[in-house]
Protein backbone atom coordinates (compact mmCIF):
# COMPACT_ATOMS: atom_id res chain seq x y z
CA MET A 1 9.70 -48.00 -15.43
CA ALA A 2 6.75 -48.35 -13.07
CA HIS A 3 5.48 -45.40 -11.07
CA SER A 4 3.75 -45.65 -7.74
CA PRO A 5 0.04 -44.80 -8.12
CA VAL A 6 0.33 -42.56 -5.06
CA ALA A 7 3.28 -40.66 -6.54
CA VAL A 8 1.46 -40.12 -9.84
CA ARG A 9 -1.64 -38.78 -8.10
CA THR A 10 0.41 -36.28 -6.10
CA LEU A 11 1.90 -34.68 -9.21
CA PRO A 12 0.45 -31.29 -10.11
CA ALA A 13 -2.17 -31.68 -12.84
CA LYS A 14 -0.06 -29.83 -15.41
CA LEU A 15 2.93 -32.14 -14.92
CA ARG A 16 0.74 -35.24 -14.96
CA ARG A 17 -0.86 -34.09 -18.24
CA THR A 18 2.57 -33.27 -19.67
CA LEU A 19 3.68 -36.84 -18.96
CA GLU A 20 0.49 -38.28 -20.46
CA LEU A 21 0.90 -36.29 -23.67
CA THR A 22 4.61 -37.05 -23.86
CA TYR A 23 4.11 -40.81 -23.50
CA ALA A 24 1.45 -40.65 -26.22
CA VAL A 25 4.09 -39.57 -28.74
CA GLU A 26 5.15 -42.53 -30.87
CA GLY A 27 8.71 -43.57 -30.05
CA VAL A 28 8.86 -42.27 -26.46
CA VAL A 29 9.85 -45.07 -24.07
CA SER A 30 10.55 -42.99 -20.97
CA ALA A 31 10.03 -39.42 -19.87
CA ARG A 32 10.76 -37.10 -16.98
CA VAL A 33 9.32 -33.68 -16.28
CA TRP A 34 10.67 -31.02 -13.93
CA GLN A 35 9.06 -27.75 -12.93
CA TRP A 36 10.39 -24.74 -11.06
CA ALA A 37 9.47 -21.06 -10.98
CA GLY A 38 8.69 -20.01 -14.54
CA CYS A 39 10.20 -23.06 -16.20
CA VAL A 40 9.26 -26.60 -17.21
CA ALA A 41 11.77 -29.13 -18.55
CA VAL A 42 10.88 -32.32 -20.40
CA GLY A 43 13.38 -35.11 -20.95
CA VAL A 44 12.64 -38.14 -23.11
CA ARG A 45 14.26 -41.34 -24.23
CA GLY A 46 13.22 -42.78 -27.57
CA THR A 47 13.21 -46.13 -29.28
CA GLY A 48 15.78 -45.11 -31.84
CA ALA A 49 13.25 -45.40 -34.67
CA ALA A 50 13.23 -41.61 -35.00
CA SER A 51 16.04 -39.13 -34.80
CA PRO A 52 16.38 -37.30 -31.47
CA ALA A 53 15.57 -33.98 -33.17
CA ASP A 54 12.36 -35.40 -34.68
CA LEU A 55 11.32 -36.98 -31.38
CA LEU A 56 11.83 -33.71 -29.48
CA ARG A 57 9.92 -31.78 -32.14
CA ARG A 58 6.93 -34.14 -31.85
CA VAL A 59 6.98 -33.97 -28.03
CA GLU A 60 7.16 -30.17 -28.16
CA ILE A 61 4.14 -30.09 -30.50
CA ALA A 62 2.22 -32.56 -28.29
CA VAL A 63 2.52 -30.38 -25.17
CA ALA A 64 2.20 -26.99 -26.88
CA GLY A 65 -1.34 -26.49 -25.56
CA LEU A 66 -0.11 -26.64 -21.96
CA ARG A 67 2.43 -23.86 -22.31
CA ASN A 68 1.86 -20.45 -20.75
CA LEU A 69 3.36 -17.30 -22.25
CA ASP A 70 5.21 -16.50 -19.02
CA GLU A 71 6.93 -19.91 -18.88
CA SER A 72 10.12 -21.15 -20.43
CA TRP A 73 10.01 -24.76 -21.65
CA GLU A 74 13.11 -26.83 -22.34
CA PHE A 75 13.24 -30.19 -24.12
CA GLY A 76 16.04 -32.72 -24.17
CA ILE A 77 17.07 -36.32 -24.62
CA LEU A 78 17.69 -38.40 -21.48
CA ASP A 79 21.15 -39.94 -21.59
CA ASP A 80 20.91 -42.24 -18.60
CA GLU A 81 17.98 -43.66 -16.66
CA THR A 82 20.12 -44.47 -13.63
CA PRO A 83 19.74 -41.80 -10.93
CA PRO A 84 22.94 -40.45 -9.35
CA ARG A 85 23.89 -42.11 -6.06
CA ASP A 86 23.29 -38.94 -4.05
CA ALA A 87 20.02 -38.04 -5.78
CA SER A 88 17.23 -37.03 -3.47
CA ILE A 89 13.56 -37.13 -4.33
CA ALA A 90 11.49 -34.19 -3.16
């Protein structure tokens, strides 16, 4: 999945670094990161070489240094890469 260079540069630094660290985890083939007040969510899709639980554990460890004490972080497996028809991009 290719990202526009302009879109990547406009991401906040923390989200960009989260994506970089997440993609560096062996077995991650795609990732998405969302951020809203006090919360960050990371979704990944793996190769299938590792169990989903192991993949999420390794991603969580990889981004641990970015976490703030006042933030809630959620991690999950992406089920579908196809965006909903009515999805809007902010």
